[in-house]
Amino acid sequence: MDARTRRVVGWVIAIVGAVVAIVGGLADQIGLGGEGPDEFGGKQVAALVVGIVLVGVGLAVALWRPRRAEPT
């Protein structure tokens, strides 16, 4: 995989993670929460954690630069 493709894939992963985290955090307000309007349930916590992890992985993939081999 070349550097440009890796960056694009990383940014897509990060954006998907941000969307998952936002939906998980705002599930009650947008009508997806099932525990009640003022309760932050286990599924919301799981979605928030998964989203944050995806953002981190995506940024790591997008911004990671391999070391260049030093000439010998």
C-alpha atoms as a PDB file:
ATOM      1  CA  MET A   1       0.000   0.000   0.000  1.00  0.00           C
ATOM      2  CA  ASP A   2       1.495   3.321  -0.962  1.00  0.00           C
ATOM      3  CA  ALA A   3       1.655   6.325   1.364  1.00  0.00           C
ATOM      4  CA  ARG A   4      -1.240   8.222  -0.214  1.00  0.00           C
ATOM      5  CA  THR A   5      -3.620   5.263   0.008  1.00  0.00           C
ATOM      6  CA  ARG A   6      -2.574   4.602   3.609  1.00  0.00           C
ATOM      7  CA  ARG A   7      -3.284   8.231   4.534  1.00  0.00           C
ATOM      8  CA  VAL A   8      -6.715   8.152   2.903  1.00  0.00           C
ATOM      9  CA  VAL A   9      -7.617   4.865   4.604  1.00  0.00           C
ATOM     10  CA  GLY A  10      -6.441   6.267   7.950  1.00  0.00           C
ATOM     11  CA  TRP A  11      -8.537   9.391   7.617  1.00  0.00           C
ATOM     12  CA  VAL A  12     -11.596   7.338   6.617  1.00  0.00           C
ATOM     13  CA  ILE A  13     -11.137   5.125   9.698  1.00  0.00           C
ATOM     14  CA  ALA A  14     -10.801   8.224  11.888  1.00  0.00           C
ATOM     15  CA  ILE A  15     -13.942   9.810  10.426  1.00  0.00           C
ATOM     16  CA  VAL A  16     -15.949   6.608  10.882  1.00  0.00           C
ATOM     17  CA  GLY A  17     -14.724   6.441  14.480  1.00  0.00           C
ATOM     18  CA  ALA A  18     -15.764  10.039  15.099  1.00  0.00           C
ATOM     19  CA  VAL A  19     -19.236   9.336  13.715  1.00  0.00           C
ATOM     20  CA  VAL A  20     -19.587   6.208  15.882  1.00  0.00           C
ATOM     21  CA  ALA A  21     -18.470   8.144  18.980  1.00  0.00           C
ATOM     22  CA  ILE A  22     -20.833  11.042  18.258  1.00  0.00           C
ATOM     23  CA  VAL A  23     -23.798   8.750  17.629  1.00  0.00           C
ATOM     24  CA  GLY A  24     -22.992   6.774  20.778  1.00  0.00           C
ATOM     25  CA  GLY A  25     -22.691   9.913  22.861  1.00  0.00           C
ATOM     26  CA  LEU A  26     -25.838  11.524  21.507  1.00  0.00           C
ATOM     27  CA  ALA A  27     -27.982   8.403  21.094  1.00  0.00           C
ATOM     28  CA  ASP A  28     -30.597   9.552  23.610  1.00  0.00           C
ATOM     29  CA  GLN A  29     -30.942  12.966  22.020  1.00  0.00           C
ATOM     30  CA  ILE A  30     -31.373  11.562  18.514  1.00  0.00           C
ATOM     31  CA  GLY A  31     -33.811   8.855  19.589  1.00  0.00           C
ATOM     32  CA  LEU A  32     -31.552   5.770  19.538  1.00  0.00           C
ATOM     33  CA  GLY A  33     -31.096   5.298  23.281  1.00  0.00           C
ATOM     34  CA  GLY A  34     -33.137   2.542  24.854  1.00  0.00           C
ATOM     35  CA  GLU A  35     -32.498   2.981  28.587  1.00  0.00           C
ATOM     36  CA  GLY A  36     -34.335   6.262  28.950  1.00  0.00           C
ATOM     37  CA  PRO A  37     -33.793   9.851  27.913  1.00  0.00           C
ATOM     38  CA  ASP A  38     -31.472  10.730  30.779  1.00  0.00           C
ATOM     39  CA  GLU A  39     -29.539   7.466  31.237  1.00  0.00           C
ATOM     40  CA  PHE A  40     -26.204   6.743  29.581  1.00  0.00           C
ATOM     41  CA  GLY A  41     -26.404   2.993  28.933  1.00  0.00           C
ATOM     42  CA  GLY A  42     -23.813   0.302  28.387  1.00  0.00           C
ATOM     43  CA  LYS A  43     -24.263   0.229  24.622  1.00  0.00           C
ATOM     44  CA  GLN A  44     -23.626   3.966  24.483  1.00  0.00           C
ATOM     45  CA  VAL A  45     -20.442   3.575  26.508  1.00  0.00           C
ATOM     46  CA  ALA A  46     -19.308   0.755  24.213  1.00  0.00           C
ATOM     47  CA  ALA A  47     -20.020   2.835  21.092  1.00  0.00           C
ATOM     48  CA  LEU A  48     -18.168   5.796  22.555  1.00  0.00           C
ATOM     49  CA  VAL A  49     -15.119   3.690  23.452  1.00  0.00           C
ATOM     50  CA  VAL A  50     -15.066   1.928  20.072  1.00  0.00           C
ATOM     51  CA  GLY A  51     -15.382   5.266  18.295  1.00  0.00           C
ATOM     52  CA  ILE A  52     -12.522   6.816  20.245  1.00  0.00           C
ATOM     53  CA  VAL A  53     -10.326   3.768  19.575  1.00  0.00           C
ATOM     54  CA  LEU A  54     -11.139   3.957  15.852  1.00  0.00           C
ATOM     55  CA  VAL A  55     -10.227   7.640  15.788  1.00  0.00           C
ATOM     56  CA  GLY A  56      -6.887   6.837  17.418  1.00  0.00           C
ATOM     57  CA  VAL A  57      -6.145   3.965  15.053  1.00  0.00           C
ATOM     58  CA  GLY A  58      -7.166   6.013  12.041  1.00  0.00           C
ATOM     59  CA  LEU A  59      -4.961   8.929  13.029  1.00  0.00           C
ATOM     60  CA  ALA A  60      -2.058   6.580  13.693  1.00  0.00           C
ATOM     61  CA  VAL A  61      -2.447   5.008  10.253  1.00  0.00           C
ATOM     62  CA  ALA A  62      -2.866   8.371   8.526  1.00  0.00           C
ATOM     63  CA  LEU A  63      -0.024  10.191  10.242  1.00  0.00           C
ATOM     64  CA  TRP A  64       2.520   7.393  10.737  1.00  0.00           C
ATOM     65  CA  ARG A  65       5.565   7.777   8.574  1.00  0.00           C
ATOM     66  CA  PRO A  66       7.906   4.823   8.176  1.00  0.00           C
ATOM     67  CA  ARG A  67      11.569   5.392   8.881  1.00  0.00           C
ATOM     68  CA  ARG A  68      13.727   5.802   5.865  1.00  0.00           C
ATOM     69  CA  ALA A  69      16.570   3.378   5.568  1.00  0.00           C
ATOM     70  CA  GLU A  70      19.888   5.027   6.230  1.00  0.00           C
ATOM     71  CA  PRO A  71      22.463   4.556   3.490  1.00  0.00           C
ATOM     72  CA  THR A  72      25.334   2.293   4.462  1.00  0.00           C
END
